Amino acid sequence: SLLTAWSNEELERWVNAYQEDPHFVNVIQTRKLETDMNRPIHPQYFIAEDNLIYFEDVLGNLRLCVPRTLRAEIMNEVHNTITEAAHAG
């Protein structure tokens, strides 16, 4: 596990990016309109209090969902940051 702290600006950037991603807009809107929380339409998604969206796998592990507009940046950061990369180059 990795614990991090989000700046307000970064958190706002992610929440806004979810609003630009058609898939996550659907997840957010559907969740707001749901009346039976025991049978959600998108049960694999969890929206946290800070409005970040997580995917819950079959083992119950939560994985942060990355909005489409941020994916290239995140992949580049994870791949090219020396402390995060599994290999050089």
N, C-alpha and C. Protein backbone atom coordinates (compact mmCIF):
# COMPACT_ATOMS: atom_id res chain seq x y z
N SER A 1 0.84 -1.18 0.00
CA SER A 1 0.00 0.00 0.00
C SER A 1 0.87 1.23 0.00
N LEU A 2 0.34 2.26 -0.59
CA LEU A 2 1.03 3.54 -0.66
C LEU A 2 0.10 4.61 -0.15
N LEU A 3 0.57 5.39 0.81
CA LEU A 3 -0.23 6.49 1.33
C LEU A 3 0.30 7.79 0.76
N THR A 4 -0.61 8.60 0.27
CA THR A 4 -0.22 9.89 -0.27
C THR A 4 -1.19 10.95 0.21
N ALA A 5 -0.78 12.20 0.08
CA ALA A 5 -1.67 13.32 0.37
C ALA A 5 -1.88 14.09 -0.92
N TRP A 6 -3.11 14.45 -1.19
CA TRP A 6 -3.44 15.18 -2.40
C TRP A 6 -3.54 16.66 -2.08
N SER A 7 -2.97 17.49 -2.93
CA SER A 7 -3.20 18.92 -2.79
C SER A 7 -4.62 19.21 -3.26
N ASN A 8 -5.19 20.28 -2.78
CA ASN A 8 -6.54 20.65 -3.21
C ASN A 8 -6.60 20.88 -4.71
N GLU A 9 -5.54 21.46 -5.27
CA GLU A 9 -5.49 21.73 -6.70
C GLU A 9 -5.47 20.43 -7.51
N GLU A 10 -4.69 19.47 -7.07
CA GLU A 10 -4.60 18.20 -7.79
C GLU A 10 -5.92 17.43 -7.68
N LEU A 11 -6.50 17.43 -6.51
CA LEU A 11 -7.78 16.77 -6.32
C LEU A 11 -8.84 17.39 -7.23
N GLU A 12 -8.88 18.70 -7.29
CA GLU A 12 -9.84 19.39 -8.16
C GLU A 12 -9.59 19.07 -9.63
N ARG A 13 -8.33 18.97 -10.01
CA ARG A 13 -7.99 18.63 -11.39
C ARG A 13 -8.52 17.24 -11.76
N TRP A 14 -8.38 16.28 -10.86
CA TRP A 14 -8.87 14.92 -11.11
C TRP A 14 -10.39 14.89 -11.17
N VAL A 15 -11.04 15.54 -10.22
CA VAL A 15 -12.51 15.55 -10.21
C VAL A 15 -13.04 16.20 -11.48
N ASN A 16 -12.41 17.29 -11.92
CA ASN A 16 -12.82 17.93 -13.17
C ASN A 16 -12.56 17.02 -14.37
N ALA A 17 -11.47 16.28 -14.34
CA ALA A 17 -11.16 15.37 -15.44
C ALA A 17 -12.18 14.23 -15.52
N TYR A 18 -12.69 13.78 -14.38
CA TYR A 18 -13.76 12.78 -14.42
C TYR A 18 -14.97 13.33 -15.16
N GLN A 19 -15.23 14.63 -14.98
CA GLN A 19 -16.39 15.26 -15.62
C GLN A 19 -16.22 15.39 -17.14
N GLU A 20 -15.00 15.24 -17.62
CA GLU A 20 -14.72 15.32 -19.06
C GLU A 20 -14.64 13.93 -19.70
N ASP A 21 -14.68 12.89 -18.90
CA ASP A 21 -14.56 11.53 -19.39
C ASP A 21 -15.96 10.92 -19.49
N PRO A 22 -16.43 10.62 -20.71
CA PRO A 22 -17.80 10.12 -20.87
C PRO A 22 -18.12 8.89 -20.01
N HIS A 23 -17.17 8.00 -19.85
CA HIS A 23 -17.42 6.80 -19.04
C HIS A 23 -17.69 7.17 -17.58
N PHE A 24 -16.84 8.01 -17.02
CA PHE A 24 -17.00 8.36 -15.61
C PHE A 24 -18.16 9.31 -15.37
N VAL A 25 -18.49 10.14 -16.36
CA VAL A 25 -19.69 10.96 -16.25
C VAL A 25 -20.90 10.05 -16.09
N ASN A 26 -20.94 8.98 -16.88
CA ASN A 26 -22.03 8.01 -16.79
C ASN A 26 -22.08 7.37 -15.40
N VAL A 27 -20.93 6.97 -14.90
CA VAL A 27 -20.87 6.34 -13.56
C VAL A 27 -21.37 7.32 -12.50
N ILE A 28 -20.91 8.56 -12.55
CA ILE A 28 -21.29 9.57 -11.55
C ILE A 28 -22.77 9.87 -11.62
N GLN A 29 -23.27 10.12 -12.83
CA GLN A 29 -24.69 10.46 -12.99
C GLN A 29 -25.59 9.30 -12.58
N THR A 30 -25.22 8.10 -12.96
CA THR A 30 -26.01 6.92 -12.60
C THR A 30 -26.06 6.76 -11.09
N ARG A 31 -24.92 6.94 -10.43
CA ARG A 31 -24.86 6.79 -8.97
C ARG A 31 -25.76 7.83 -8.29
N LYS A 32 -25.80 9.05 -8.82
CA LYS A 32 -26.63 10.10 -8.22
C LYS A 32 -28.12 9.78 -8.34
N LEU A 33 -28.50 9.08 -9.41
CA LEU A 33 -29.91 8.81 -9.67
C LEU A 33 -30.40 7.48 -9.09
N GLU A 34 -29.48 6.66 -8.62
CA GLU A 34 -29.86 5.34 -8.12
C GLU A 34 -30.71 5.44 -6.86
N THR A 35 -31.73 4.60 -6.81
CA THR A 35 -32.59 4.57 -5.64
C THR A 35 -32.37 3.33 -4.79
N ASP A 36 -31.88 2.26 -5.40
CA ASP A 36 -31.63 1.01 -4.67
C ASP A 36 -30.12 0.77 -4.58
N MET A 37 -29.52 1.22 -3.49
CA MET A 37 -28.07 1.10 -3.34
C MET A 37 -27.64 -0.35 -3.08
N ASN A 38 -28.59 -1.24 -2.83
CA ASN A 38 -28.27 -2.66 -2.68
C ASN A 38 -28.04 -3.32 -4.03
N ARG A 39 -28.49 -2.69 -5.10
CA ARG A 39 -28.33 -3.22 -6.45
C ARG A 39 -27.89 -2.11 -7.40
N PRO A 40 -26.69 -1.55 -7.18
CA PRO A 40 -26.24 -0.46 -8.04
C PRO A 40 -25.98 -0.93 -9.47
N ILE A 41 -26.14 -0.01 -10.41
CA ILE A 41 -25.91 -0.33 -11.82
C ILE A 41 -24.42 -0.56 -12.08
N HIS A 42 -23.57 0.19 -11.40
CA HIS A 42 -22.11 0.04 -11.54
C HIS A 42 -21.53 -0.39 -10.19
N PRO A 43 -21.75 -1.63 -9.78
CA PRO A 43 -21.31 -2.04 -8.44
C PRO A 43 -19.80 -2.08 -8.27
N GLN A 44 -19.07 -2.11 -9.37
CA GLN A 44 -17.62 -2.22 -9.30
C GLN A 44 -16.95 -0.87 -9.00
N TYR A 45 -17.72 0.22 -9.01
CA TYR A 45 -17.14 1.54 -8.76
C TYR A 45 -17.54 2.06 -7.39
N PHE A 46 -16.58 2.73 -6.76
CA PHE A 46 -16.80 3.35 -5.46
C PHE A 46 -16.39 4.81 -5.59
N ILE A 47 -17.28 5.72 -5.23
CA ILE A 47 -16.96 7.15 -5.26
C ILE A 47 -16.71 7.58 -3.82
N ALA A 48 -15.48 7.99 -3.55
CA ALA A 48 -15.08 8.36 -2.20
C ALA A 48 -15.63 9.74 -1.82
N GLU A 49 -15.50 10.08 -0.55
CA GLU A 49 -15.98 11.37 -0.06
C GLU A 49 -15.31 12.54 -0.77
N ASP A 50 -14.08 12.34 -1.23
CA ASP A 50 -13.36 13.41 -1.93
C ASP A 50 -13.66 13.42 -3.43
N ASN A 51 -14.61 12.55 -3.85
CA ASN A 51 -15.07 12.42 -5.24
C ASN A 51 -14.08 11.74 -6.17
N LEU A 52 -13.04 11.12 -5.63
CA LEU A 52 -12.20 10.27 -6.46
C LEU A 52 -12.95 8.96 -6.68
N ILE A 53 -12.75 8.37 -7.84
CA ILE A 53 -13.47 7.15 -8.19
C ILE A 53 -12.50 5.97 -8.13
N TYR A 54 -12.95 4.91 -7.50
CA TYR A 54 -12.15 3.69 -7.37
C TYR A 54 -12.89 2.52 -7.99
N PHE A 55 -12.13 1.61 -8.57
CA PHE A 55 -12.65 0.35 -9.09
C PHE A 55 -12.38 -0.71 -8.04
N GLU A 56 -13.39 -1.48 -7.69
CA GLU A 56 -13.21 -2.56 -6.72
C GLU A 56 -13.17 -3.89 -7.46
N ASP A 57 -12.02 -4.59 -7.34
CA ASP A 57 -11.89 -5.87 -8.03
C ASP A 57 -12.58 -6.98 -7.24
N VAL A 58 -12.56 -8.19 -7.76
CA VAL A 58 -13.29 -9.31 -7.14
C VAL A 58 -12.77 -9.67 -5.75
N LEU A 59 -11.55 -9.25 -5.43
CA LEU A 59 -10.99 -9.52 -4.11
C LEU A 59 -11.25 -8.38 -3.13
N GLY A 60 -11.93 -7.34 -3.60
CA GLY A 60 -12.23 -6.20 -2.74
C GLY A 60 -11.16 -5.14 -2.71
N ASN A 61 -10.14 -5.26 -3.57
CA ASN A 61 -9.09 -4.25 -3.64
C ASN A 61 -9.59 -3.04 -4.41
N LEU A 62 -9.35 -1.85 -3.87
CA LEU A 62 -9.74 -0.62 -4.54
C LEU A 62 -8.58 -0.10 -5.37
N ARG A 63 -8.88 0.27 -6.61
CA ARG A 63 -7.86 0.81 -7.51
C ARG A 63 -8.36 2.16 -8.02
N LEU A 64 -7.52 3.17 -7.89
CA LEU A 64 -7.89 4.51 -8.33
C LEU A 64 -8.13 4.53 -9.83
N CYS A 65 -9.26 5.07 -10.24
CA CYS A 65 -9.58 5.20 -11.66
C CYS A 65 -8.95 6.48 -12.19
N VAL A 66 -8.27 6.37 -13.31
CA VAL A 66 -7.60 7.51 -13.92
C VAL A 66 -8.44 7.99 -15.10
N PRO A 67 -8.88 9.25 -15.07
CA PRO A 67 -9.66 9.78 -16.18
C PRO A 67 -8.85 9.78 -17.47
N ARG A 68 -9.54 9.65 -18.58
CA ARG A 68 -8.90 9.54 -19.89
C ARG A 68 -7.87 10.64 -20.14
N THR A 69 -8.20 11.90 -19.81
CA THR A 69 -7.30 13.01 -20.12
C THR A 69 -6.02 12.99 -19.29
N LEU A 70 -5.97 12.21 -18.23
CA LEU A 70 -4.78 12.15 -17.38
C LEU A 70 -3.96 10.88 -17.57
N ARG A 71 -4.46 9.94 -18.36
CA ARG A 71 -3.80 8.64 -18.47
C ARG A 71 -2.38 8.71 -19.01
N ALA A 72 -2.16 9.44 -20.09
CA ALA A 72 -0.81 9.53 -20.67
C ALA A 72 0.16 10.14 -19.66
N GLU A 73 -0.27 11.18 -18.98
CA GLU A 73 0.58 11.84 -17.99
C GLU A 73 0.93 10.88 -16.84
N ILE A 74 -0.05 10.16 -16.35
CA ILE A 74 0.18 9.24 -15.24
C ILE A 74 1.08 8.09 -15.67
N MET A 75 0.83 7.53 -16.85
CA MET A 75 1.67 6.44 -17.35
C MET A 75 3.11 6.91 -17.54
N ASN A 76 3.28 8.11 -18.06
CA ASN A 76 4.62 8.67 -18.24
C ASN A 76 5.31 8.86 -16.89
N GLU A 77 4.57 9.40 -15.95
CA GLU A 77 5.14 9.64 -14.63
C GLU A 77 5.54 8.34 -13.94
N VAL A 78 4.68 7.35 -14.00
CA VAL A 78 4.98 6.06 -13.36
C VAL A 78 6.13 5.35 -14.08
N HIS A 79 6.13 5.41 -15.39
CA HIS A 79 7.15 4.70 -16.17
C HIS A 79 8.52 5.37 -16.08
N ASN A 80 8.54 6.70 -16.06
CA ASN A 80 9.81 7.41 -16.17
C ASN A 80 10.36 7.94 -14.86
N THR A 81 9.62 7.86 -13.78
CA THR A 81 10.14 8.31 -12.49
C THR A 81 11.04 7.21 -11.94
N ILE A 82 12.26 7.56 -11.63
CA ILE A 82 13.25 6.56 -11.24
C ILE A 82 12.81 5.75 -10.03
N THR A 83 12.10 6.37 -9.09
CA THR A 83 11.67 5.63 -7.90
C THR A 83 10.46 4.74 -8.17
N GLU A 84 9.80 4.92 -9.30
CA GLU A 84 8.60 4.14 -9.62
C GLU A 84 8.83 3.12 -10.72
N ALA A 85 9.80 3.38 -11.58
CA ALA A 85 9.97 2.52 -12.76
C ALA A 85 10.58 1.17 -12.38
N ALA A 86 10.14 0.15 -13.07
CA ALA A 86 10.67 -1.19 -12.84
C ALA A 86 11.97 -1.40 -13.58
N HIS A 87 12.21 -0.55 -14.56
CA HIS A 87 13.44 -0.67 -15.35
C HIS A 87 13.84 0.70 -15.86
N ALA A 88 15.10 0.86 -16.21
CA ALA A 88 15.58 2.13 -16.77
C ALA A 88 15.22 2.18 -18.25
N GLY A 89 14.73 3.35 -18.67
CA GLY A 89 14.43 3.53 -20.10
C GLY A 89 13.12 3.19 -20.46
